[in-house]
Amino acid sequence: MFGGEDELQSEKCLYIIRKNLGKDFLVKESGDIIRINPALFPMLDTDLFLKDEDNTGLYRGDFLEGFYLKNNVSFNEWVTNTRQVFKAHYLKNCTAPSPGTMIPEILSFVSPSAKNRCR
């Protein structure tokens, strides 16, 4: 269910999630795929963020910052990839700095059309 995770640990994680967020928070799809119940959240903030370049205000830092699962390479790779996607989307649509402002190299690809969109 959780890739390399021990089945008992997986069940414990699901129990804690359901106990704290309600039994209907997660739904099982096909096979071992479990996801957040779309009936509870028809549009997630992450979906809104990626949908429109004007939604950069929704970005609050790295996705699941500091969160990893021990002995679960596939989950940790997914989290890392998702962080990179969100950060790239944010930086691509972020405000270009004022003239004379020192900027890191990574921000040099910010598009001119994205001015005044980020804080």
PDB file of N, CA and C in Angstrom:
ATOM      1  N   MET A   1       0.819  -1.195   0.000  1.00  0.00           N
ATOM      2  CA  MET A   1       0.000   0.000   0.000  1.00  0.00           C
ATOM      3  C   MET A   1       0.863   1.259   0.000  1.00  0.00           C
ATOM      4  N   PHE A   2       1.909   1.300   0.804  1.00  0.00           N
ATOM      5  CA  PHE A   2       2.794   2.454   0.868  1.00  0.00           C
ATOM      6  C   PHE A   2       4.166   2.124   0.304  1.00  0.00           C
ATOM      7  N   GLY A   3       4.226   1.352  -0.740  1.00  0.00           N
ATOM      8  CA  GLY A   3       5.496   0.988  -1.340  1.00  0.00           C
ATOM      9  C   GLY A   3       6.265   0.048  -0.449  1.00  0.00           C
ATOM     10  N   GLY A   4       7.419   0.468   0.047  1.00  0.00           N
ATOM     11  CA  GLY A   4       8.261  -0.379   0.869  1.00  0.00           C
ATOM     12  C   GLY A   4       7.833  -0.433   2.332  1.00  0.00           C
ATOM     13  N   GLU A   5       6.811   0.314   2.712  1.00  0.00           N
ATOM     14  CA  GLU A   5       6.340   0.335   4.096  1.00  0.00           C
ATOM     15  C   GLU A   5       5.848  -1.025   4.535  1.00  0.00           C
ATOM     16  N   ASP A   6       6.126  -1.347   5.756  1.00  0.00           N
ATOM     17  CA  ASP A   6       5.587  -2.547   6.394  1.00  0.00           C
ATOM     18  C   ASP A   6       4.063  -2.411   6.483  1.00  0.00           C
ATOM     19  N   GLU A   7       3.334  -3.476   6.184  1.00  0.00           N
ATOM     20  CA  GLU A   7       1.868  -3.424   6.151  1.00  0.00           C
ATOM     21  C   GLU A   7       1.272  -2.974   7.484  1.00  0.00           C
ATOM     22  N   LEU A   8       1.834  -3.421   8.596  1.00  0.00           N
ATOM     23  CA  LEU A   8       1.340  -3.016   9.912  1.00  0.00           C
ATOM     24  C   LEU A   8       1.499  -1.512  10.115  1.00  0.00           C
ATOM     25  N   GLN A   9       2.630  -0.961   9.700  1.00  0.00           N
ATOM     26  CA  GLN A   9       2.866   0.481   9.801  1.00  0.00           C
ATOM     27  C   GLN A   9       1.884   1.249   8.927  1.00  0.00           C
ATOM     28  N   SER A  10       1.599   0.728   7.746  1.00  0.00           N
ATOM     29  CA  SER A  10       0.641   1.361   6.836  1.00  0.00           C
ATOM     30  C   SER A  10      -0.737   1.430   7.473  1.00  0.00           C
ATOM     31  N   GLU A  11      -1.164   0.316   8.051  1.00  0.00           N
ATOM     32  CA  GLU A  11      -2.473   0.277   8.702  1.00  0.00           C
ATOM     33  C   GLU A  11      -2.532   1.247   9.880  1.00  0.00           C
ATOM     34  N   LYS A  12      -1.433   1.365  10.612  1.00  0.00           N
ATOM     35  CA  LYS A  12      -1.369   2.298  11.737  1.00  0.00           C
ATOM     36  C   LYS A  12      -1.510   3.741  11.245  1.00  0.00           C
ATOM     37  N   CYS A  13      -0.825   4.070  10.152  1.00  0.00           N
ATOM     38  CA  CYS A  13      -0.917   5.415   9.567  1.00  0.00           C
ATOM     39  C   CYS A  13      -2.351   5.725   9.149  1.00  0.00           C
ATOM     40  N   LEU A  14      -2.984   4.773   8.471  1.00  0.00           N
ATOM     41  CA  LEU A  14      -4.364   4.978   8.025  1.00  0.00           C
ATOM     42  C   LEU A  14      -5.305   5.133   9.219  1.00  0.00           C
ATOM     43  N   TYR A  15      -5.094   4.356  10.259  1.00  0.00           N
ATOM     44  CA  TYR A  15      -5.916   4.457  11.469  1.00  0.00           C
ATOM     45  C   TYR A  15      -5.809   5.853  12.073  1.00  0.00           C
ATOM     46  N   ILE A  16      -4.583   6.359  12.185  1.00  0.00           N
ATOM     47  CA  ILE A  16      -4.365   7.687  12.780  1.00  0.00           C
ATOM     48  C   ILE A  16      -5.023   8.769  11.930  1.00  0.00           C
ATOM     49  N   ILE A  17      -4.880   8.668  10.613  1.00  0.00           N
ATOM     50  CA  ILE A  17      -5.506   9.654   9.716  1.00  0.00           C
ATOM     51  C   ILE A  17      -7.023   9.625   9.878  1.00  0.00           C
ATOM     52  N   ARG A  18      -7.603   8.435   9.844  1.00  0.00           N
ATOM     53  CA  ARG A  18      -9.068   8.319   9.961  1.00  0.00           C
ATOM     54  C   ARG A  18      -9.567   8.753  11.329  1.00  0.00           C
ATOM     55  N   LYS A  19      -8.801   8.453  12.366  1.00  0.00           N
ATOM     56  CA  LYS A  19      -9.186   8.838  13.724  1.00  0.00           C
ATOM     57  C   LYS A  19      -9.214  10.362  13.860  1.00  0.00           C
ATOM     58  N   ASN A  20      -8.216  11.025  13.283  1.00  0.00           N
ATOM     59  CA  ASN A  20      -8.100  12.472  13.429  1.00  0.00           C
ATOM     60  C   ASN A  20      -8.906  13.276  12.411  1.00  0.00           C
ATOM     61  N   LEU A  21      -9.108  12.720  11.227  1.00  0.00           N
ATOM     62  CA  LEU A  21      -9.771  13.474  10.160  1.00  0.00           C
ATOM     63  C   LEU A  21     -11.125  12.901   9.747  1.00  0.00           C
ATOM     64  N   GLY A  22     -11.504  11.774  10.327  1.00  0.00           N
ATOM     65  CA  GLY A  22     -12.800  11.168  10.015  1.00  0.00           C
ATOM     66  C   GLY A  22     -12.648   9.981   9.082  1.00  0.00           C
ATOM     67  N   LYS A  23     -13.557   9.022   9.235  1.00  0.00           N
ATOM     68  CA  LYS A  23     -13.453   7.783   8.461  1.00  0.00           C
ATOM     69  C   LYS A  23     -13.670   7.993   6.971  1.00  0.00           C
ATOM     70  N   ASP A  24     -14.328   9.079   6.582  1.00  0.00           N
ATOM     71  CA  ASP A  24     -14.596   9.336   5.165  1.00  0.00           C
ATOM     72  C   ASP A  24     -13.549  10.224   4.501  1.00  0.00           C
ATOM     73  N   PHE A  25     -12.514  10.619   5.252  1.00  0.00           N
ATOM     74  CA  PHE A  25     -11.496  11.514   4.700  1.00  0.00           C
ATOM     75  C   PHE A  25     -10.730  10.869   3.551  1.00  0.00           C
ATOM     76  N   LEU A  26     -10.409   9.587   3.689  1.00  0.00           N
ATOM     77  CA  LEU A  26      -9.690   8.850   2.645  1.00  0.00           C
ATOM     78  C   LEU A  26     -10.638   7.853   1.990  1.00  0.00           C
ATOM     79  N   VAL A  27     -10.489   7.661   0.691  1.00  0.00           N
ATOM     80  CA  VAL A  27     -11.270   6.658  -0.032  1.00  0.00           C
ATOM     81  C   VAL A  27     -10.322   5.767  -0.815  1.00  0.00           C
ATOM     82  N   LYS A  28     -10.702   4.510  -0.946  1.00  0.00           N
ATOM     83  CA  LYS A  28      -9.892   3.561  -1.699  1.00  0.00           C
ATOM     84  C   LYS A  28     -10.371   3.578  -3.143  1.00  0.00           C
ATOM     85  N   GLU A  29      -9.411   3.690  -4.045  1.00  0.00           N
ATOM     86  CA  GLU A  29      -9.737   3.614  -5.459  1.00  0.00           C
ATOM     87  C   GLU A  29      -9.435   2.204  -5.928  1.00  0.00           C
ATOM     88  N   SER A  30      -8.863   2.045  -7.073  1.00  0.00           N
ATOM     89  CA  SER A  30      -8.545   0.710  -7.579  1.00  0.00           C
ATOM     90  C   SER A  30      -7.255   0.190  -6.950  1.00  0.00           C
ATOM     91  N   GLY A  31      -7.201  -1.111  -6.718  1.00  0.00           N
ATOM     92  CA  GLY A  31      -5.993  -1.724  -6.164  1.00  0.00           C
ATOM     93  C   GLY A  31      -5.660  -1.164  -4.801  1.00  0.00           C
ATOM     94  N   ASP A  32      -4.429  -0.729  -4.632  1.00  0.00           N
ATOM     95  CA  ASP A  32      -3.967  -0.199  -3.352  1.00  0.00           C
ATOM     96  C   ASP A  32      -3.940   1.328  -3.318  1.00  0.00           C
ATOM     97  N   ILE A  33      -4.608   1.961  -4.248  1.00  0.00           N
ATOM     98  CA  ILE A  33      -4.578   3.427  -4.320  1.00  0.00           C
ATOM     99  C   ILE A  33      -5.599   4.018  -3.352  1.00  0.00           C
ATOM    100  N   ILE A  34      -5.109   4.890  -2.482  1.00  0.00           N
ATOM    101  CA  ILE A  34      -5.949   5.598  -1.522  1.00  0.00           C
ATOM    102  C   ILE A  34      -5.741   7.081  -1.747  1.00  0.00           C
ATOM    103  N   ARG A  35      -6.816   7.843  -1.723  1.00  0.00           N
ATOM    104  CA  ARG A  35      -6.702   9.288  -1.930  1.00  0.00           C
ATOM    105  C   ARG A  35      -7.658  10.030  -1.024  1.00  0.00           C
ATOM    106  N   ILE A  36      -7.479  11.347  -0.961  1.00  0.00           N
ATOM    107  CA  ILE A  36      -8.402  12.193  -0.210  1.00  0.00           C
ATOM    108  C   ILE A  36      -9.750  12.150  -0.924  1.00  0.00           C
ATOM    109  N   ASN A  37     -10.799  12.032  -0.162  1.00  0.00           N
ATOM    110  CA  ASN A  37     -12.147  11.944  -0.706  1.00  0.00           C
ATOM    111  C   ASN A  37     -12.477  13.219  -1.490  1.00  0.00           C
ATOM    112  N   PRO A  38     -12.654  13.106  -2.815  1.00  0.00           N
ATOM    113  CA  PRO A  38     -12.925  14.305  -3.614  1.00  0.00           C
ATOM    114  C   PRO A  38     -14.272  14.946  -3.300  1.00  0.00           C
ATOM    115  N   ALA A  39     -15.194  14.188  -2.689  1.00  0.00           N
ATOM    116  CA  ALA A  39     -16.483  14.765  -2.311  1.00  0.00           C
ATOM    117  C   ALA A  39     -16.328  15.776  -1.173  1.00  0.00           C
ATOM    118  N   LEU A  40     -15.300  15.600  -0.346  1.00  0.00           N
ATOM    119  CA  LEU A  40     -15.059  16.527   0.760  1.00  0.00           C
ATOM    120  C   LEU A  40     -14.366  17.795   0.308  1.00  0.00           C
ATOM    121  N   PHE A  41     -13.516  17.664  -0.709  1.00  0.00           N
ATOM    122  CA  PHE A  41     -12.734  18.792  -1.209  1.00  0.00           C
ATOM    123  C   PHE A  41     -12.767  18.779  -2.734  1.00  0.00           C
ATOM    124  N   PRO A  42     -13.824  19.339  -3.330  1.00  0.00           N
ATOM    125  CA  PRO A  42     -13.908  19.286  -4.798  1.00  0.00           C
ATOM    126  C   PRO A  42     -12.737  19.986  -5.496  1.00  0.00           C
ATOM    127  N   MET A  43     -12.147  20.994  -4.862  1.00  0.00           N
ATOM    128  CA  MET A  43     -11.002  21.678  -5.449  1.00  0.00           C
ATOM    129  C   MET A  43     -10.002  21.937  -4.336  1.00  0.00           C
ATOM    130  N   LEU A  44      -8.846  21.296  -4.424  1.00  0.00           N
ATOM    131  CA  LEU A  44      -7.806  21.488  -3.418  1.00  0.00           C
ATOM    132  C   LEU A  44      -7.040  22.772  -3.702  1.00  0.00           C
ATOM    133  N   ASP A  45      -6.422  23.348  -2.675  1.00  0.00           N
ATOM    134  CA  ASP A  45      -5.630  24.554  -2.864  1.00  0.00           C
ATOM    135  C   ASP A  45      -4.475  24.313  -3.826  1.00  0.00           C
ATOM    136  N   THR A  46      -3.942  23.095  -3.834  1.00  0.00           N
ATOM    137  CA  THR A  46      -2.856  22.785  -4.758  1.00  0.00           C
ATOM    138  C   THR A  46      -3.348  22.809  -6.209  1.00  0.00           C
ATOM    139  N   ASP A  47      -4.577  22.363  -6.426  1.00  0.00           N
ATOM    140  CA  ASP A  47      -5.162  22.421  -7.776  1.00  0.00           C
ATOM    141  C   ASP A  47      -5.374  23.870  -8.204  1.00  0.00           C
ATOM    142  N   LEU A  48      -5.903  24.685  -7.297  1.00  0.00           N
ATOM    143  CA  LEU A  48      -6.116  26.110  -7.598  1.00  0.00           C
ATOM    144  C   LEU A  48      -4.794  26.807  -7.906  1.00  0.00           C
ATOM    145  N   PHE A  49      -3.765  26.475  -7.124  1.00  0.00           N
ATOM    146  CA  PHE A  49      -2.451  27.079  -7.306  1.00  0.00           C
ATOM    147  C   PHE A  49      -1.906  26.800  -8.701  1.00  0.00           C
ATOM    148  N   LEU A  50      -1.994  25.566  -9.150  1.00  0.00           N
ATOM    149  CA  LEU A  50      -1.451  25.191 -10.462  1.00  0.00           C
ATOM    150  C   LEU A  50      -2.344  25.624 -11.618  1.00  0.00           C
ATOM    151  N   LYS A  51      -3.601  25.858 -11.341  1.00  0.00           N
ATOM    152  CA  LYS A  51      -4.575  26.174 -12.394  1.00  0.00           C
ATOM    153  C   LYS A  51      -4.373  27.566 -12.984  1.00  0.00           C
ATOM    154  N   ASP A  52      -3.969  28.508 -12.158  1.00  0.00           N
ATOM    155  CA  ASP A  52      -3.925  29.905 -12.613  1.00  0.00           C
ATOM    156  C   ASP A  52      -2.644  30.574 -12.130  1.00  0.00           C
ATOM    157  N   GLU A  53      -1.954  31.260 -13.039  1.00  0.00           N
ATOM    158  CA  GLU A  53      -0.693  31.912 -12.669  1.00  0.00           C
ATOM    159  C   GLU A  53      -0.896  33.066 -11.689  1.00  0.00           C
ATOM    160  N   ASP A  54      -2.113  33.531 -11.512  1.00  0.00           N
ATOM    161  CA  ASP A  54      -2.384  34.608 -10.566  1.00  0.00           C
ATOM    162  C   ASP A  54      -2.579  34.109  -9.135  1.00  0.00           C
ATOM    163  N   ASN A  55      -2.499  32.809  -8.919  1.00  0.00           N
ATOM    164  CA  ASN A  55      -2.718  32.240  -7.598  1.00  0.00           C
ATOM    165  C   ASN A  55      -1.421  32.002  -6.822  1.00  0.00           C
ATOM    166  N   THR A  56      -0.389  32.756  -7.113  1.00  0.00           N
ATOM    167  CA  THR A  56       0.889  32.551  -6.427  1.00  0.00           C
ATOM    168  C   THR A  56       0.792  32.847  -4.930  1.00  0.00           C
ATOM    169  N   GLY A  57      -0.205  33.610  -4.511  1.00  0.00           N
ATOM    170  CA  GLY A  57      -0.401  33.899  -3.086  1.00  0.00           C
ATOM    171  C   GLY A  57      -0.731  32.661  -2.276  1.00  0.00           C
ATOM    172  N   LEU A  58      -1.131  31.585  -2.948  1.00  0.00           N
ATOM    173  CA  LEU A  58      -1.420  30.334  -2.251  1.00  0.00           C
ATOM    174  C   LEU A  58      -0.148  29.589  -1.849  1.00  0.00           C
ATOM    175  N   TYR A  59       0.974  29.955  -2.438  1.00  0.00           N
ATOM    176  CA  TYR A  59       2.230  29.273  -2.134  1.00  0.00           C
ATOM    177  C   TYR A  59       2.743  29.734  -0.781  1.00  0.00           C
ATOM    178  N   ARG A  60       2.935  28.787   0.138  1.00  0.00           N
ATOM    179  CA  ARG A  60       3.381  29.113   1.491  1.00  0.00           C
ATOM    180  C   ARG A  60       4.705  28.437   1.834  1.00  0.00           C
ATOM    181  N   GLY A  61       5.437  27.994   0.835  1.00  0.00           N
ATOM    182  CA  GLY A  61       6.699  27.304   1.076  1.00  0.00           C
ATOM    183  C   GLY A  61       6.644  25.899   0.523  1.00  0.00           C
ATOM    184  N   ASP A  62       7.679  25.140   0.828  1.00  0.00           N
ATOM    185  CA  ASP A  62       7.782  23.780   0.294  1.00  0.00           C
ATOM    186  C   ASP A  62       6.587  22.915   0.676  1.00  0.00           C
ATOM    187  N   PHE A  63       6.125  22.129  -0.270  1.00  0.00           N
ATOM    188  CA  PHE A  63       5.044  21.168  -0.067  1.00  0.00           C
ATOM    189  C   PHE A  63       5.477  20.143   0.978  1.00  0.00           C
ATOM    190  N   LEU A  64       4.662  19.951   2.011  1.00  0.00           N
ATOM    191  CA  LEU A  64       4.961  19.010   3.103  1.00  0.00           C
ATOM    192  C   LEU A  64       6.396  19.188   3.618  1.00  0.00           C
ATOM    193  N   GLU A  65       6.760  20.421   3.859  1.00  0.00           N
ATOM    194  CA  GLU A  65       8.132  20.742   4.266  1.00  0.00           C
ATOM    195  C   GLU A  65       8.574  19.916   5.466  1.00  0.00           C
ATOM    196  N   GLY A  66       9.720  19.257   5.312  1.00  0.00           N
ATOM    197  CA  GLY A  66      10.299  18.461   6.371  1.00  0.00           C
ATOM    198  C   GLY A  66       9.627  17.116   6.607  1.00  0.00           C
ATOM    199  N   PHE A  67       8.654  16.759   5.784  1.00  0.00           N
ATOM    200  CA  PHE A  67       7.914  15.504   5.993  1.00  0.00           C
ATOM    201  C   PHE A  67       8.421  14.423   5.056  1.00  0.00           C
ATOM    202  N   TYR A  68       8.847  13.332   5.618  1.00  0.00           N
ATOM    203  CA  TYR A  68       9.290  12.153   4.863  1.00  0.00           C
ATOM    204  C   TYR A  68       8.805  10.921   5.602  1.00  0.00           C
ATOM    205  N   LEU A  69       8.702   9.804   4.899  1.00  0.00           N
ATOM    206  CA  LEU A  69       8.376   8.529   5.527  1.00  0.00           C
ATOM    207  C   LEU A  69       9.620   7.654   5.543  1.00  0.00           C
ATOM    208  N   LYS A  70       9.955   7.135   6.706  1.00  0.00           N
ATOM    209  CA  LYS A  70      11.112   6.259   6.863  1.00  0.00           C
ATOM    210  C   LYS A  70      10.912   4.998   6.024  1.00  0.00           C
ATOM    211  N   ASN A  71      11.948   4.583   5.327  1.00  0.00           N
ATOM    212  CA  ASN A  71      11.938   3.347   4.529  1.00  0.00           C
ATOM    213  C   ASN A  71      10.890   3.347   3.420  1.00  0.00           C
ATOM    214  N   ASN A  72      10.578   4.522   2.871  1.00  0.00           N
ATOM    215  CA  ASN A  72       9.587   4.576   1.809  1.00  0.00           C
ATOM    216  C   ASN A  72      10.096   5.470   0.680  1.00  0.00           C
ATOM    217  N   VAL A  73      10.947   4.902  -0.144  1.00  0.00           N
ATOM    218  CA  VAL A  73      11.594   5.652  -1.219  1.00  0.00           C
ATOM    219  C   VAL A  73      10.582   6.229  -2.202  1.00  0.00           C
ATOM    220  N   SER A  74       9.587   5.442  -2.589  1.00  0.00           N
ATOM    221  CA  SER A  74       8.635   5.915  -3.605  1.00  0.00           C
ATOM    222  C   SER A  74       7.825   7.113  -3.112  1.00  0.00           C
ATOM    223  N   PHE A  75       7.385   7.098  -1.857  1.00  0.00           N
ATOM    224  CA  PHE A  75       6.649   8.243  -1.311  1.00  0.00           C
ATOM    225  C   PHE A  75       7.551   9.463  -1.236  1.00  0.00           C
ATOM    226  N   ASN A  76       8.759   9.279  -0.734  1.00  0.00           N
ATOM    227  CA  ASN A  76       9.682  10.402  -0.594  1.00  0.00           C
ATOM    228  C   ASN A  76      10.066  11.004  -1.942  1.00  0.00           C
ATOM    229  N   GLU A  77      10.197  10.165  -2.973  1.00  0.00           N
ATOM    230  CA  GLU A  77      10.459  10.674  -4.323  1.00  0.00           C
ATOM    231  C   GLU A  77       9.264  11.476  -4.829  1.00  0.00           C
ATOM    232  N   TRP A  78       8.053  11.003  -4.555  1.00  0.00           N
ATOM    233  CA  TRP A  78       6.846  11.727  -4.966  1.00  0.00           C
ATOM    234  C   TRP A  78       6.781  13.089  -4.292  1.00  0.00           C
ATOM    235  N   VAL A  79       7.061  13.128  -2.972  1.00  0.00           N
ATOM    236  CA  VAL A  79       7.037  14.398  -2.242  1.00  0.00           C
ATOM    237  C   VAL A  79       8.076  15.355  -2.817  1.00  0.00           C
ATOM    238  N   THR A  80       9.284  14.875  -3.062  1.00  0.00           N
ATOM    239  CA  THR A  80      10.353  15.710  -3.614  1.00  0.00           C
ATOM    240  C   THR A  80       9.963  16.254  -4.983  1.00  0.00           C
ATOM    241  N   ASN A  81       9.426  15.403  -5.841  1.00  0.00           N
ATOM    242  CA  ASN A  81       8.995  15.839  -7.170  1.00  0.00           C
ATOM    243  C   ASN A  81       7.880  16.878  -7.080  1.00  0.00           C
ATOM    244  N   THR A  82       6.913  16.645  -6.200  1.00  0.00           N
ATOM    245  CA  THR A  82       5.799  17.580  -6.044  1.00  0.00           C
ATOM    246  C   THR A  82       6.303  18.928  -5.542  1.00  0.00           C
ATOM    247  N   ARG A  83       7.252  18.914  -4.604  1.00  0.00           N
ATOM    248  CA  ARG A  83       7.853  20.166  -4.127  1.00  0.00           C
ATOM    249  C   ARG A  83       8.479  20.945  -5.286  1.00  0.00           C
ATOM    250  N   GLN A  84       9.205  20.232  -6.131  1.00  0.00           N
ATOM    251  CA  GLN A  84       9.881  20.879  -7.256  1.00  0.00           C
ATOM    252  C   GLN A  84       8.881  21.471  -8.239  1.00  0.00           C
ATOM    253  N   VAL A  85       7.803  20.762  -8.506  1.00  0.00           N
ATOM    254  CA  VAL A  85       6.769  21.251  -9.427  1.00  0.00           C
ATOM    255  C   VAL A  85       6.144  22.534  -8.883  1.00  0.00           C
ATOM    256  N   PHE A  86       5.764  22.529  -7.603  1.00  0.00           N
ATOM    257  CA  PHE A  86       5.127  23.710  -7.016  1.00  0.00           C
ATOM    258  C   PHE A  86       6.084  24.891  -6.943  1.00  0.00           C
ATOM    259  N   LYS A  87       7.334  24.630  -6.550  1.00  0.00           N
ATOM    260  CA  LYS A  87       8.303  25.721  -6.461  1.00  0.00           C
ATOM    261  C   LYS A  87       8.588  26.313  -7.836  1.00  0.00           C
ATOM    262  N   ALA A  88       8.730  25.470  -8.849  1.00  0.00           N
ATOM    263  CA  ALA A  88       8.973  25.960 -10.214  1.00  0.00           C
ATOM    264  C   ALA A  88       7.799  26.789 -10.711  1.00  0.00           C
ATOM    265  N   HIS A  89       6.567  26.334 -10.414  1.00  0.00           N
ATOM    266  CA  HIS A  89       5.377  27.089 -10.829  1.00  0.00           C
ATOM    267  C   HIS A  89       5.362  28.459 -10.148  1.00  0.00           C
ATOM    268  N   TYR A  90       5.666  28.471  -8.865  1.00  0.00           N
ATOM    269  CA  TYR A  90       5.700  29.725  -8.121  1.00  0.00           C
ATOM    270  C   TYR A  90       6.758  30.677  -8.679  1.00  0.00           C
ATOM    271  N   LEU A  91       7.973  30.183  -8.849  1.00  0.00           N
ATOM    272  CA  LEU A  91       9.057  31.036  -9.329  1.00  0.00           C
ATOM    273  C   LEU A  91       8.807  31.527 -10.752  1.00  0.00           C
ATOM    274  N   LYS A  92       8.223  30.684 -11.578  1.00  0.00           N
ATOM    275  CA  LYS A  92       7.936  31.074 -12.957  1.00  0.00           C
ATOM    276  C   LYS A  92       6.945  32.230 -13.011  1.00  0.00           C
ATOM    277  N   ASN A  93       6.029  32.260 -12.066  1.00  0.00           N
ATOM    278  CA  ASN A  93       4.967  33.266 -12.085  1.00  0.00           C
ATOM    279  C   ASN A  93       5.158  34.358 -11.051  1.00  0.00           C
ATOM    280  N   CYS A  94       6.320  34.406 -10.457  1.00  0.00           N
ATOM    281  CA  CYS A  94       6.589  35.353  -9.389  1.00  0.00           C
ATOM    282  C   CYS A  94       7.006  36.718  -9.946  1.00  0.00           C
ATOM    283  N   THR A  95       6.909  37.711  -9.099  1.00  0.00           N
ATOM    284  CA  THR A  95       7.267  39.072  -9.472  1.00  0.00           C
ATOM    285  C   THR A  95       8.745  39.194  -9.793  1.00  0.00           C
ATOM    286  N   ALA A  96       9.041  39.872 -10.851  1.00  0.00           N
ATOM    287  CA  ALA A  96      10.432  40.205 -11.154  1.00  0.00           C
ATOM    288  C   ALA A  96      10.887  41.241 -10.131  1.00  0.00           C
ATOM    289  N   PRO A  97      12.112  41.179  -9.655  1.00  0.00           N
ATOM    290  CA  PRO A  97      12.585  42.110  -8.628  1.00  0.00           C
ATOM    291  C   PRO A  97      12.748  43.533  -9.163  1.00  0.00           C
ATOM    292  N   SER A  98      12.765  44.460  -8.245  1.00  0.00           N
ATOM    293  CA  SER A  98      12.990  45.856  -8.609  1.00  0.00           C
ATOM    294  C   SER A  98      14.384  46.016  -9.189  1.00  0.00           C
ATOM    295  N   PRO A  99      14.582  47.030 -10.056  1.00  0.00           N
ATOM    296  CA  PRO A  99      15.915  47.252 -10.619  1.00  0.00           C
ATOM    297  C   PRO A  99      16.941  47.459  -9.506  1.00  0.00           C
ATOM    298  N   GLY A 100      18.112  46.839  -9.667  1.00  0.00           N
ATOM    299  CA  GLY A 100      19.185  46.972  -8.701  1.00  0.00           C
ATOM    300  C   GLY A 100      19.122  45.965  -7.565  1.00  0.00           C
ATOM    301  N   THR A 101      18.037  45.180  -7.500  1.00  0.00           N
ATOM    302  CA  THR A 101      17.917  44.181  -6.438  1.00  0.00           C
ATOM    303  C   THR A 101      18.781  42.981  -6.766  1.00  0.00           C
ATOM    304  N   MET A 102      19.522  42.499  -5.775  1.00  0.00           N
ATOM    305  CA  MET A 102      20.322  41.294  -5.962  1.00  0.00           C
ATOM    306  C   MET A 102      19.384  40.097  -5.932  1.00  0.00           C
ATOM    307  N   ILE A 103      19.516  39.198  -6.919  1.00  0.00           N
ATOM    308  CA  ILE A 103      18.656  38.021  -6.944  1.00  0.00           C
ATOM    309  C   ILE A 103      19.502  36.778  -7.131  1.00  0.00           C
ATOM    310  N   PRO A 104      19.059  35.662  -6.550  1.00  0.00           N
ATOM    311  CA  PRO A 104      19.761  34.410  -6.793  1.00  0.00           C
ATOM    312  C   PRO A 104      19.607  33.987  -8.241  1.00  0.00           C
ATOM    313  N   GLU A 105      20.565  33.219  -8.737  1.00  0.00           N
ATOM    314  CA  GLU A 105      20.532  32.746 -10.117  1.00  0.00           C
ATOM    315  C   GLU A 105      19.257  32.011 -10.452  1.00  0.00           C
ATOM    316  N   ILE A 106      18.716  31.266  -9.492  1.00  0.00           N
ATOM    317  CA  ILE A 106      17.529  30.457  -9.769  1.00  0.00           C
ATOM    318  C   ILE A 106      16.335  31.306 -10.171  1.00  0.00           C
ATOM    319  N   LEU A 107      16.306  32.585  -9.758  1.00  0.00           N
ATOM    320  CA  LEU A 107      15.183  33.449 -10.098  1.00  0.00           C
ATOM    321  C   LEU A 107      15.346  34.133 -11.449  1.00  0.00           C
ATOM    322  N   SER A 108      16.434  33.897 -12.128  1.00  0.00           N
ATOM    323  CA  SER A 108      16.687  34.610 -13.378  1.00  0.00           C
ATOM    324  C   SER A 108      15.732  34.239 -14.495  1.00  0.00           C
ATOM    325  N   PHE A 109      14.989  33.134 -14.349  1.00  0.00           N
ATOM    326  CA  PHE A 109      14.070  32.734 -15.411  1.00  0.00           C
ATOM    327  C   PHE A 109      12.661  33.259 -15.204  1.00  0.00           C
ATOM    328  N   VAL A 110      12.426  34.089 -14.185  1.00  0.00           N
ATOM    329  CA  VAL A 110      11.091  34.628 -13.943  1.00  0.00           C
ATOM    330  C   VAL A 110      10.660  35.444 -15.154  1.00  0.00           C
ATOM    331  N   SER A 111       9.485  35.158 -15.651  1.00  0.00           N
ATOM    332  CA  SER A 111       9.025  35.811 -16.871  1.00  0.00           C
ATOM    333  C   SER A 111       8.625  37.261 -16.609  1.00  0.00           C
ATOM    334  N   PRO A 112       8.895  38.145 -17.561  1.00  0.00           N
ATOM    335  CA  PRO A 112       8.509  39.550 -17.398  1.00  0.00           C
ATOM    336  C   PRO A 112       6.999  39.732 -17.266  1.00  0.00           C
ATOM    337  N   SER A 113       6.217  38.819 -17.847  1.00  0.00           N
ATOM    338  CA  SER A 113       4.753  38.944 -17.773  1.00  0.00           C
ATOM    339  C   SER A 113       4.209  38.592 -16.399  1.00  0.00           C
ATOM    340  N   ALA A 114       5.085  38.112 -15.518  1.00  0.00           N
ATOM    341  CA  ALA A 114       4.614  37.705 -14.193  1.00  0.00           C
ATOM    342  C   ALA A 114       4.820  38.781 -13.146  1.00  0.00           C
ATOM    343  N   LYS A 115       5.118  39.992 -13.551  1.00  0.00           N
ATOM    344  CA  LYS A 115       5.372  41.072 -12.598  1.00  0.00           C
ATOM    345  C   LYS A 115       4.178  41.310 -11.681  1.00  0.00           C
ATOM    346  N   ASN A 116       4.488  41.663 -10.429  1.00  0.00           N
ATOM    347  CA  ASN A 116       3.512  42.039  -9.415  1.00  0.00           C
ATOM    348  C   ASN A 116       2.531  40.937  -9.045  1.00  0.00           C
ATOM    349  N   ARG A 117       2.930  39.700  -9.134  1.00  0.00           N
ATOM    350  CA  ARG A 117       2.019  38.608  -8.754  1.00  0.00           C
ATOM    351  C   ARG A 117       2.373  37.991  -7.419  1.00  0.00           C
ATOM    352  N   CYS A 118       3.594  38.162  -6.947  1.00  0.00           N
ATOM    353  CA  CYS A 118       4.030  37.518  -5.711  1.00  0.00           C
ATOM    354  C   CYS A 118       4.289  38.559  -4.654  1.00  0.00           C
ATOM    355  N   ARG A 119       4.298  38.102  -3.427  1.00  0.00           N
ATOM    356  CA  ARG A 119       4.572  39.017  -2.310  1.00  0.00           C
ATOM    357  C   ARG A 119       6.037  39.224  -2.144  1.00  0.00           C
TER     358      ARG A 119
END
